[in-house]
Amino acid sequence: MDALVTDATSIRITRAHPLTIDADGVQLQQYSSRASVGAVLADARISLLGGDYSEPAVASALPADGVIRVVRVSEQQLVEYAPLPFGALTQACARAGAGPECTAAGGANGLLAKRVRILFADGVEVSRTALQQWTARAPLPRISGYGTAITLRVVDTPDGPVEYWRAVRMYATSYSPARAGTPVTAPWYGRTRTGKLLTKGMVAVDRSIIPLGTPLYIPRYGLATAEDTGGGVRGLMIDLGFEDANYEGWHEYVTVFFRTPVPPADQIKWVLP
């Protein structure tokens, strides 16, 4: 400096601080007397582009520990795919016998597409945001048909030929008035759901499967009619009725034949459990 120092001259000394700038995988060591982080980065010719930021922020004073970190933010968009489960439909299938399924279509999962934006800070994923989603491929439902074609058949029995329209495998138990769990003093003791006195030939069923009044035939038991229900009779179960004097214990699977006449279609449980 060539200027002369006089008594009126004011001299201010600004000390430079040692700094470490961590940017782009490199640590720069330098001294600076600048007041803000942004000014230090500008002197070092380090630019912040897009979402890039510094720690501390550019407007901040120089950090006490002397470390300035530059974080590079990058963005990536991609499309992710996830399966769309297929549903199930049922429809009448006139070519099959009453009850058995006939599968018209096996079903196939669809495809759900989702566009996402991923933000990276120095190469590390920090956030993932869904931008848009759409059905790339619609699922195809599994279509199961229930048979509605009824064929009348005849089974030979000790009681003579029995014409039937359906045969179902069911689990048979048995009961009588004294074994039904009803108090003797109850007004309905020994009576069926239809109000009749229980005798052999009256059976208890699940009404969602077999409507009351349905004529049946059970091998070794004989001709029967659905006249009763029971708390333990659910699904493909049938409880064979007896009088107390002629009670027989049953616990076995049997084939239950649904005798003619065929009921109206809206009264038939086409799909059985």
C-alpha atoms as a PDB file:
ATOM      1  CA  MET A   1       0.000   0.000   0.000  1.00  0.00           C
ATOM      2  CA  ASP A   2       1.351   3.439  -0.935  1.00  0.00           C
ATOM      3  CA  ALA A   3      -1.104   5.509   1.132  1.00  0.00           C
ATOM      4  CA  LEU A   4       0.269   7.234   4.162  1.00  0.00           C
ATOM      5  CA  VAL A   5      -1.162   6.424   7.540  1.00  0.00           C
ATOM      6  CA  THR A   6      -2.083   9.487   9.547  1.00  0.00           C
ATOM      7  CA  ASP A   7      -3.711  10.059  12.882  1.00  0.00           C
ATOM      8  CA  ALA A   8      -7.077  10.399  11.085  1.00  0.00           C
ATOM      9  CA  THR A   9      -6.765   7.094   9.242  1.00  0.00           C
ATOM     10  CA  SER A  10      -9.188   4.313  10.348  1.00  0.00           C
ATOM     11  CA  ILE A  11      -7.911   0.794   9.926  1.00  0.00           C
ATOM     12  CA  ARG A  12     -10.246  -2.263  10.222  1.00  0.00           C
ATOM     13  CA  ILE A  13      -8.785  -5.733  10.249  1.00  0.00           C
ATOM     14  CA  THR A  14     -11.127  -8.573   9.203  1.00  0.00           C
ATOM     15  CA  ARG A  15      -9.820 -11.960  10.100  1.00  0.00           C
ATOM     16  CA  ALA A  16     -10.173 -14.813   7.634  1.00  0.00           C
ATOM     17  CA  HIS A  17     -11.691 -17.997   9.054  1.00  0.00           C
ATOM     18  CA  PRO A  18     -10.576 -21.487   8.125  1.00  0.00           C
ATOM     19  CA  LEU A  19     -13.384 -23.314   6.300  1.00  0.00           C
ATOM     20  CA  THR A  20     -14.054 -26.770   4.928  1.00  0.00           C
ATOM     21  CA  ILE A  21     -16.456 -26.930   1.990  1.00  0.00           C
ATOM     22  CA  ASP A  22     -17.839 -30.435   1.429  1.00  0.00           C
ATOM     23  CA  ALA A  23     -19.208 -30.500  -2.124  1.00  0.00           C
ATOM     24  CA  ASP A  24     -19.493 -33.075  -4.911  1.00  0.00           C
ATOM     25  CA  GLY A  25     -17.490 -35.650  -3.004  1.00  0.00           C
ATOM     26  CA  VAL A  26     -14.544 -33.302  -2.455  1.00  0.00           C
ATOM     27  CA  GLN A  27     -13.530 -31.370   0.647  1.00  0.00           C
ATOM     28  CA  LEU A  28     -12.085 -27.945  -0.088  1.00  0.00           C
ATOM     29  CA  GLN A  29      -9.952 -26.245   2.562  1.00  0.00           C
ATOM     30  CA  GLN A  30      -9.795 -22.455   2.420  1.00  0.00           C
ATOM     31  CA  TYR A  31      -9.822 -19.246   4.411  1.00  0.00           C
ATOM     32  CA  SER A  32     -12.461 -16.585   3.997  1.00  0.00           C
ATOM     33  CA  SER A  33     -13.454 -13.352   5.625  1.00  0.00           C
ATOM     34  CA  ARG A  34     -16.828 -13.297   3.923  1.00  0.00           C
ATOM     35  CA  ALA A  35     -19.925 -12.722   6.067  1.00  0.00           C
ATOM     36  CA  SER A  36     -22.264 -15.308   4.547  1.00  0.00           C
ATOM     37  CA  VAL A  37     -22.172 -18.888   3.341  1.00  0.00           C
ATOM     38  CA  GLY A  38     -23.442 -17.811  -0.077  1.00  0.00           C
ATOM     39  CA  ALA A  39     -20.538 -15.419  -0.550  1.00  0.00           C
ATOM     40  CA  VAL A  40     -18.046 -18.132   0.393  1.00  0.00           C
ATOM     41  CA  LEU A  41     -19.542 -20.516  -2.156  1.00  0.00           C
ATOM     42  CA  ALA A  42     -19.494 -17.818  -4.830  1.00  0.00           C
ATOM     43  CA  ASP A  43     -15.805 -17.176  -4.172  1.00  0.00           C
ATOM     44  CA  ALA A  44     -15.183 -20.917  -4.480  1.00  0.00           C
ATOM     45  CA  ARG A  45     -17.188 -20.943  -7.735  1.00  0.00           C
ATOM     46  CA  ILE A  46     -19.597 -23.515  -6.377  1.00  0.00           C
ATOM     47  CA  SER A  47     -23.092 -23.044  -7.787  1.00  0.00           C
ATOM     48  CA  LEU A  48     -26.379 -24.302  -6.396  1.00  0.00           C
ATOM     49  CA  LEU A  49     -28.681 -25.457  -9.183  1.00  0.00           C
ATOM     50  CA  GLY A  50     -32.325 -26.522  -9.099  1.00  0.00           C
ATOM     51  CA  GLY A  51     -33.111 -27.978  -5.695  1.00  0.00           C
ATOM     52  CA  ASP A  52     -29.504 -27.930  -4.451  1.00  0.00           C
ATOM     53  CA  TYR A  53     -28.969 -26.399  -1.031  1.00  0.00           C
ATOM     54  CA  SER A  54     -26.242 -25.782   1.499  1.00  0.00           C
ATOM     55  CA  GLU A  55     -25.938 -26.496   5.193  1.00  0.00           C
ATOM     56  CA  PRO A  56     -25.978 -23.880   6.681  1.00  0.00           C
ATOM     57  CA  ALA A  57     -28.232 -22.037   4.173  1.00  0.00           C
ATOM     58  CA  VAL A  58     -26.658 -19.508   1.801  1.00  0.00           C
ATOM     59  CA  ALA A  59     -28.017 -16.532   3.762  1.00  0.00           C
ATOM     60  CA  SER A  60     -26.555 -17.780   7.032  1.00  0.00           C
ATOM     61  CA  ALA A  61     -23.430 -16.519   8.737  1.00  0.00           C
ATOM     62  CA  LEU A  62     -20.359 -18.701   8.647  1.00  0.00           C
ATOM     63  CA  PRO A  63     -20.728 -21.753  10.880  1.00  0.00           C
ATOM     64  CA  ALA A  64     -18.838 -21.917  14.128  1.00  0.00           C
ATOM     65  CA  ASP A  65     -17.350 -25.292  13.236  1.00  0.00           C
ATOM     66  CA  GLY A  66     -16.240 -24.003   9.825  1.00  0.00           C
ATOM     67  CA  VAL A  67     -17.937 -26.778   7.855  1.00  0.00           C
ATOM     68  CA  ILE A  68     -20.146 -25.929   4.885  1.00  0.00           C
ATOM     69  CA  ARG A  69     -21.909 -28.797   3.167  1.00  0.00           C
ATOM     70  CA  VAL A  70     -23.348 -28.574  -0.327  1.00  0.00           C
ATOM     71  CA  VAL A  71     -26.171 -31.029  -0.995  1.00  0.00           C
ATOM     72  CA  ARG A  72     -26.903 -31.931  -4.611  1.00  0.00           C
ATOM     73  CA  VAL A  73     -30.568 -32.723  -5.196  1.00  0.00           C
ATOM     74  CA  SER A  74     -31.582 -34.788  -8.193  1.00  0.00           C
ATOM     75  CA  GLU A  75     -34.921 -36.101  -9.360  1.00  0.00           C
ATOM     76  CA  GLN A  76     -36.001 -39.251 -11.142  1.00  0.00           C
ATOM     77  CA  GLN A  77     -39.413 -40.248 -12.439  1.00  0.00           C
ATOM     78  CA  LEU A  78     -40.361 -43.831 -13.077  1.00  0.00           C
ATOM     79  CA  VAL A  79     -43.430 -46.012 -13.523  1.00  0.00           C
ATOM     80  CA  GLU A  80     -44.088 -48.766 -11.003  1.00  0.00           C
ATOM     81  CA  TYR A  81     -46.478 -51.646 -11.593  1.00  0.00           C
ATOM     82  CA  ALA A  82     -48.592 -53.601  -9.116  1.00  0.00           C
ATOM     83  CA  PRO A  83     -51.075 -56.425  -9.698  1.00  0.00           C
ATOM     84  CA  LEU A  84     -54.790 -55.691  -9.660  1.00  0.00           C
ATOM     85  CA  PRO A  85     -56.504 -58.768  -8.170  1.00  0.00           C
ATOM     86  CA  PHE A  86     -59.343 -60.193 -10.181  1.00  0.00           C
ATOM     87  CA  GLY A  87     -62.796 -60.700  -8.746  1.00  0.00           C
ATOM     88  CA  ALA A  88     -65.307 -63.483  -9.156  1.00  0.00           C
ATOM     89  CA  LEU A  89     -68.667 -63.618 -10.863  1.00  0.00           C
ATOM     90  CA  THR A  90     -71.245 -66.358 -10.965  1.00  0.00           C
ATOM     91  CA  GLN A  91     -73.765 -66.958 -13.678  1.00  0.00           C
ATOM     92  CA  ALA A  92     -76.198 -69.596 -14.749  1.00  0.00           C
ATOM     93  CA  CYS A  93     -74.743 -72.419 -16.818  1.00  0.00           C
ATOM     94  CA  ALA A  94     -77.573 -74.309 -18.455  1.00  0.00           C
ATOM     95  CA  ARG A  95     -75.371 -77.062 -19.844  1.00  0.00           C
ATOM     96  CA  ALA A  96     -74.379 -78.394 -16.394  1.00  0.00           C
ATOM     97  CA  GLY A  97     -76.436 -80.352 -13.928  1.00  0.00           C
ATOM     98  CA  ALA A  98     -77.960 -78.672 -10.900  1.00  0.00           C
ATOM     99  CA  GLY A  99     -75.250 -77.641  -8.481  1.00  0.00           C
ATOM    100  CA  PRO A 100     -71.808 -78.404  -9.973  1.00  0.00           C
ATOM    101  CA  GLU A 101     -69.790 -75.469 -11.164  1.00  0.00           C
ATOM    102  CA  CYS A 102     -68.830 -74.903 -14.766  1.00  0.00           C
ATOM    103  CA  THR A 103     -66.014 -72.388 -15.070  1.00  0.00           C
ATOM    104  CA  ALA A 104     -66.419 -70.085 -18.043  1.00  0.00           C
ATOM    105  CA  ALA A 105     -63.210 -68.097 -17.462  1.00  0.00           C
ATOM    106  CA  GLY A 106     -60.257 -68.675 -15.177  1.00  0.00           C
ATOM    107  CA  GLY A 107     -59.621 -65.033 -14.297  1.00  0.00           C
ATOM    108  CA  ALA A 108     -56.453 -62.966 -14.634  1.00  0.00           C
ATOM    109  CA  ASN A 109     -54.907 -60.187 -12.574  1.00  0.00           C
ATOM    110  CA  GLY A 110     -54.803 -56.718 -14.043  1.00  0.00           C
ATOM    111  CA  LEU A 111     -51.970 -54.222 -13.810  1.00  0.00           C
ATOM    112  CA  LEU A 112     -51.983 -50.921 -11.921  1.00  0.00           C
ATOM    113  CA  ALA A 113     -49.417 -48.383 -13.138  1.00  0.00           C
ATOM    114  CA  LYS A 114     -48.166 -45.567 -10.920  1.00  0.00           C
ATOM    115  CA  ARG A 115     -45.852 -42.737 -11.936  1.00  0.00           C
ATOM    116  CA  VAL A 116     -43.668 -41.641  -9.030  1.00  0.00           C
ATOM    117  CA  ARG A 117     -41.127 -38.893  -8.496  1.00  0.00           C
ATOM    118  CA  ILE A 118     -38.078 -39.808  -6.443  1.00  0.00           C
ATOM    119  CA  LEU A 119     -35.848 -37.153  -4.913  1.00  0.00           C
ATOM    120  CA  PHE A 120     -32.224 -37.910  -4.094  1.00  0.00           C
ATOM    121  CA  ALA A 121     -29.924 -35.902  -1.842  1.00  0.00           C
ATOM    122  CA  ASP A 122     -26.310 -36.657  -2.714  1.00  0.00           C
ATOM    123  CA  GLY A 123     -27.472 -39.884  -4.334  1.00  0.00           C
ATOM    124  CA  VAL A 124     -29.556 -41.067  -1.364  1.00  0.00           C
ATOM    125  CA  GLU A 125     -33.332 -41.343  -1.790  1.00  0.00           C
ATOM    126  CA  VAL A 126     -35.100 -38.929   0.558  1.00  0.00           C
ATOM    127  CA  SER A 127     -38.675 -38.897  -0.731  1.00  0.00           C
ATOM    128  CA  ARG A 128     -41.023 -40.649  -3.114  1.00  0.00           C
ATOM    129  CA  THR A 129     -44.208 -38.970  -4.355  1.00  0.00           C
ATOM    130  CA  ALA A 130     -46.994 -40.502  -6.434  1.00  0.00           C
ATOM    131  CA  LEU A 131     -47.822 -38.244  -9.369  1.00  0.00           C
ATOM    132  CA  GLN A 132     -50.347 -40.274 -11.317  1.00  0.00           C
ATOM    133  CA  GLN A 133     -51.825 -43.746 -11.468  1.00  0.00           C
ATOM    134  CA  TRP A 134     -53.877 -45.592 -14.032  1.00  0.00           C
ATOM    135  CA  THR A 135     -55.031 -49.055 -14.973  1.00  0.00           C
ATOM    136  CA  ALA A 136     -52.548 -50.384 -17.480  1.00  0.00           C
ATOM    137  CA  ARG A 137     -54.453 -53.639 -17.876  1.00  0.00           C
ATOM    138  CA  ALA A 138     -57.911 -54.344 -16.528  1.00  0.00           C
ATOM    139  CA  PRO A 139     -58.357 -57.552 -14.497  1.00  0.00           C
ATOM    140  CA  LEU A 140     -60.439 -60.333 -15.985  1.00  0.00           C
ATOM    141  CA  PRO A 141     -62.888 -61.806 -13.462  1.00  0.00           C
ATOM    142  CA  ARG A 142     -63.131 -65.489 -12.745  1.00  0.00           C
ATOM    143  CA  ILE A 143     -66.534 -66.472 -14.062  1.00  0.00           C
ATOM    144  CA  SER A 144     -68.020 -69.528 -12.441  1.00  0.00           C
ATOM    145  CA  GLY A 145     -71.280 -70.929 -13.630  1.00  0.00           C
ATOM    146  CA  TYR A 146     -73.800 -72.816 -11.562  1.00  0.00           C
ATOM    147  CA  GLY A 147     -75.607 -75.591 -13.324  1.00  0.00           C
ATOM    148  CA  THR A 148     -79.305 -75.155 -13.962  1.00  0.00           C
ATOM    149  CA  ALA A 149     -79.928 -78.120 -16.231  1.00  0.00           C
ATOM    150  CA  ILE A 150     -82.121 -80.622 -14.401  1.00  0.00           C
ATOM    151  CA  THR A 151     -82.265 -84.251 -15.464  1.00  0.00           C
ATOM    152  CA  LEU A 152     -84.792 -86.576 -13.872  1.00  0.00           C
ATOM    153  CA  ARG A 153     -83.384 -89.922 -12.788  1.00  0.00           C
ATOM    154  CA  VAL A 154     -84.631 -92.979 -10.938  1.00  0.00           C
ATOM    155  CA  VAL A 155     -82.966 -94.862  -8.086  1.00  0.00           C
ATOM    156  CA  ASP A 156     -84.159 -98.342  -7.098  1.00  0.00           C
ATOM    157  CA  THR A 157     -84.881 -98.608  -3.375  1.00  0.00           C
ATOM    158  CA  PRO A 158     -86.478-101.170  -1.020  1.00  0.00           C
ATOM    159  CA  ASP A 159     -89.527 -98.893  -1.158  1.00  0.00           C
ATOM    160  CA  GLY A 160     -89.614 -99.114  -4.947  1.00  0.00           C
ATOM    161  CA  PRO A 161     -88.262 -96.810  -7.688  1.00  0.00           C
ATOM    162  CA  VAL A 162     -87.749 -93.215  -6.535  1.00  0.00           C
ATOM    163  CA  GLU A 163     -87.613 -90.433  -9.105  1.00  0.00           C
ATOM    164  CA  TYR A 164     -85.234 -87.631  -8.166  1.00  0.00           C
ATOM    165  CA  TRP A 165     -83.732 -84.513  -9.717  1.00  0.00           C
ATOM    166  CA  ARG A 166     -80.720 -83.948  -7.482  1.00  0.00           C
ATOM    167  CA  ALA A 167     -78.387 -86.015  -5.289  1.00  0.00           C
ATOM    168  CA  VAL A 168     -76.206 -84.384  -2.626  1.00  0.00           C
ATOM    169  CA  ARG A 169     -73.630 -85.860  -0.254  1.00  0.00           C
ATOM    170  CA  MET A 170     -74.531 -84.812   3.303  1.00  0.00           C
ATOM    171  CA  TYR A 171     -73.601 -85.674   6.872  1.00  0.00           C
ATOM    172  CA  ALA A 172     -76.480 -87.377   8.693  1.00  0.00           C
ATOM    173  CA  THR A 173     -77.215 -87.345  12.408  1.00  0.00           C
ATOM    174  CA  SER A 174     -80.432 -88.336  14.155  1.00  0.00           C
ATOM    175  CA  TYR A 175     -82.731 -87.181  16.926  1.00  0.00           C
ATOM    176  CA  SER A 176     -86.048 -87.843  18.654  1.00  0.00           C
ATOM    177  CA  PRO A 177     -88.266 -85.756  20.950  1.00  0.00           C
ATOM    178  CA  ALA A 178     -86.383 -86.797  24.089  1.00  0.00           C
ATOM    179  CA  ARG A 179     -83.021 -86.106  22.428  1.00  0.00           C
ATOM    180  CA  ALA A 180     -83.851 -82.738  20.868  1.00  0.00           C
ATOM    181  CA  GLY A 181     -82.906 -80.709  23.946  1.00  0.00           C
ATOM    182  CA  THR A 182     -86.405 -79.274  24.350  1.00  0.00           C
ATOM    183  CA  PRO A 183     -87.914 -79.163  27.879  1.00  0.00           C
ATOM    184  CA  VAL A 184     -90.817 -81.571  28.266  1.00  0.00           C
ATOM    185  CA  THR A 185     -92.919 -78.704  29.616  1.00  0.00           C
ATOM    186  CA  ALA A 186     -92.374 -76.581  26.487  1.00  0.00           C
ATOM    187  CA  PRO A 187     -95.502 -76.224  24.315  1.00  0.00           C
ATOM    188  CA  TRP A 188     -93.479 -77.213  21.247  1.00  0.00           C
ATOM    189  CA  TYR A 189     -91.979 -80.347  22.802  1.00  0.00           C
ATOM    190  CA  GLY A 190     -91.925 -83.154  20.246  1.00  0.00           C
ATOM    191  CA  ARG A 191     -93.050 -80.869  17.422  1.00  0.00           C
ATOM    192  CA  THR A 192     -91.231 -79.839  14.280  1.00  0.00           C
ATOM    193  CA  ARG A 193     -90.723 -76.361  12.896  1.00  0.00           C
ATOM    194  CA  THR A 194     -93.825 -76.902  10.759  1.00  0.00           C
ATOM    195  CA  GLY A 195     -95.854 -77.735  13.885  1.00  0.00           C
ATOM    196  CA  LYS A 196     -96.201 -81.464  13.287  1.00  0.00           C
ATOM    197  CA  LEU A 197     -95.579 -84.231  15.826  1.00  0.00           C
ATOM    198  CA  LEU A 198     -92.136 -85.653  15.114  1.00  0.00           C
ATOM    199  CA  THR A 199     -92.185 -89.130  13.582  1.00  0.00           C
ATOM    200  CA  LYS A 200     -89.814 -91.108  11.429  1.00  0.00           C
ATOM    201  CA  GLY A 201     -89.754 -89.648   7.939  1.00  0.00           C
ATOM    202  CA  MET A 202     -89.444 -86.064   9.156  1.00  0.00           C
ATOM    203  CA  VAL A 203     -85.974 -84.554   8.965  1.00  0.00           C
ATOM    204  CA  ALA A 204     -84.320 -81.332  10.106  1.00  0.00           C
ATOM    205  CA  VAL A 205     -82.366 -79.308   7.554  1.00  0.00           C
ATOM    206  CA  ASP A 206     -80.689 -75.977   6.998  1.00  0.00           C
ATOM    207  CA  ARG A 207     -83.453 -73.975   5.328  1.00  0.00           C
ATOM    208  CA  SER A 208     -80.926 -71.963   3.324  1.00  0.00           C
ATOM    209  CA  ILE A 209     -79.987 -75.244   1.615  1.00  0.00           C
ATOM    210  CA  ILE A 210     -83.225 -77.242   1.638  1.00  0.00           C
ATOM    211  CA  PRO A 211     -86.587 -75.464   1.959  1.00  0.00           C
ATOM    212  CA  LEU A 212     -89.103 -76.917   4.385  1.00  0.00           C
ATOM    213  CA  GLY A 213     -91.508 -79.226   2.636  1.00  0.00           C
ATOM    214  CA  THR A 214     -88.887 -80.640   0.255  1.00  0.00           C
ATOM    215  CA  PRO A 215     -89.469 -84.374  -0.423  1.00  0.00           C
ATOM    216  CA  LEU A 216     -86.317 -86.464   0.032  1.00  0.00           C
ATOM    217  CA  TYR A 217     -85.040 -90.008   0.068  1.00  0.00           C
ATOM    218  CA  ILE A 218     -82.185 -91.213   2.293  1.00  0.00           C
ATOM    219  CA  PRO A 219     -80.849 -94.762   1.763  1.00  0.00           C
ATOM    220  CA  ARG A 220     -81.503 -97.054   4.791  1.00  0.00           C
ATOM    221  CA  TYR A 221     -83.735 -94.376   6.315  1.00  0.00           C
ATOM    222  CA  GLY A 222     -86.351 -94.170   3.613  1.00  0.00           C
ATOM    223  CA  LEU A 223     -88.696 -91.536   2.246  1.00  0.00           C
ATOM    224  CA  ALA A 224     -88.580 -88.259   4.113  1.00  0.00           C
ATOM    225  CA  THR A 225     -89.753 -84.668   4.084  1.00  0.00           C
ATOM    226  CA  ALA A 226     -87.929 -81.588   5.377  1.00  0.00           C
ATOM    227  CA  GLU A 227     -90.156 -80.556   8.291  1.00  0.00           C
ATOM    228  CA  ASP A 228     -87.783 -79.229  10.938  1.00  0.00           C
ATOM    229  CA  THR A 229     -84.702 -77.132  11.671  1.00  0.00           C
ATOM    230  CA  GLY A 230     -82.095 -77.307  14.409  1.00  0.00           C
ATOM    231  CA  GLY A 231     -79.449 -75.096  15.959  1.00  0.00           C
ATOM    232  CA  GLY A 232     -76.704 -77.543  15.045  1.00  0.00           C
ATOM    233  CA  VAL A 233     -77.963 -78.311  11.554  1.00  0.00           C
ATOM    234  CA  ARG A 234     -75.937 -76.116   9.228  1.00  0.00           C
ATOM    235  CA  GLY A 235     -74.873 -76.398   5.611  1.00  0.00           C
ATOM    236  CA  LEU A 236     -74.712 -79.889   4.184  1.00  0.00           C
ATOM    237  CA  MET A 237     -76.078 -81.608   7.293  1.00  0.00           C
ATOM    238  CA  ILE A 238     -79.335 -83.465   7.799  1.00  0.00           C
ATOM    239  CA  ASP A 239     -80.853 -84.623  11.108  1.00  0.00           C
ATOM    240  CA  LEU A 240     -83.040 -87.720  10.739  1.00  0.00           C
ATOM    241  CA  GLY A 241     -86.134 -87.739  12.906  1.00  0.00           C
ATOM    242  CA  PHE A 242     -87.425 -90.709  14.955  1.00  0.00           C
ATOM    243  CA  GLU A 243     -89.945 -91.371  17.682  1.00  0.00           C
ATOM    244  CA  ASP A 244     -88.330 -92.144  21.035  1.00  0.00           C
ATOM    245  CA  ALA A 245     -89.395 -95.801  20.786  1.00  0.00           C
ATOM    246  CA  ASN A 246     -87.740 -96.488  17.432  1.00  0.00           C
ATOM    247  CA  TYR A 247     -84.729 -94.154  17.696  1.00  0.00           C
ATOM    248  CA  GLU A 248     -81.583 -95.102  15.755  1.00  0.00           C
ATOM    249  CA  GLY A 249     -78.264 -93.330  16.150  1.00  0.00           C
ATOM    250  CA  TRP A 250     -76.795 -91.913  12.920  1.00  0.00           C
ATOM    251  CA  HIS A 251     -73.381 -90.327  12.401  1.00  0.00           C
ATOM    252  CA  GLU A 252     -72.291 -90.861   8.809  1.00  0.00           C
ATOM    253  CA  TYR A 253     -72.208 -89.436   5.319  1.00  0.00           C
ATOM    254  CA  VAL A 254     -75.116 -90.335   3.069  1.00  0.00           C
ATOM    255  CA  THR A 255     -76.381 -89.439  -0.374  1.00  0.00           C
ATOM    256  CA  VAL A 256     -79.601 -87.467  -0.075  1.00  0.00           C
ATOM    257  CA  PHE A 257     -81.892 -87.704  -3.089  1.00  0.00           C
ATOM    258  CA  PHE A 258     -84.210 -84.784  -3.827  1.00  0.00           C
ATOM    259  CA  ARG A 259     -87.460 -86.340  -4.995  1.00  0.00           C
ATOM    260  CA  THR A 260     -89.750 -84.934  -7.631  1.00  0.00           C
ATOM    261  CA  PRO A 261     -91.623 -82.741  -8.244  1.00  0.00           C
ATOM    262  CA  VAL A 262     -88.919 -80.212  -9.121  1.00  0.00           C
ATOM    263  CA  PRO A 263     -89.511 -76.927  -7.254  1.00  0.00           C
ATOM    264  CA  PRO A 264     -89.614 -73.563  -9.065  1.00  0.00           C
ATOM    265  CA  ALA A 265     -86.165 -72.313 -10.095  1.00  0.00           C
ATOM    266  CA  ASP A 266     -86.278 -69.393  -7.662  1.00  0.00           C
ATOM    267  CA  GLN A 267     -86.671 -71.824  -4.760  1.00  0.00           C
ATOM    268  CA  ILE A 268     -83.607 -73.909  -5.641  1.00  0.00           C
ATOM    269  CA  LYS A 269     -80.262 -73.318  -3.940  1.00  0.00           C
ATOM    270  CA  TRP A 270     -78.158 -73.815  -7.065  1.00  0.00           C
ATOM    271  CA  VAL A 271     -74.716 -73.336  -5.502  1.00  0.00           C
ATOM    272  CA  LEU A 272     -74.125 -75.480  -2.423  1.00  0.00           C
ATOM    273  CA  PRO A 273     -71.376 -74.930   0.179  1.00  0.00           C
END
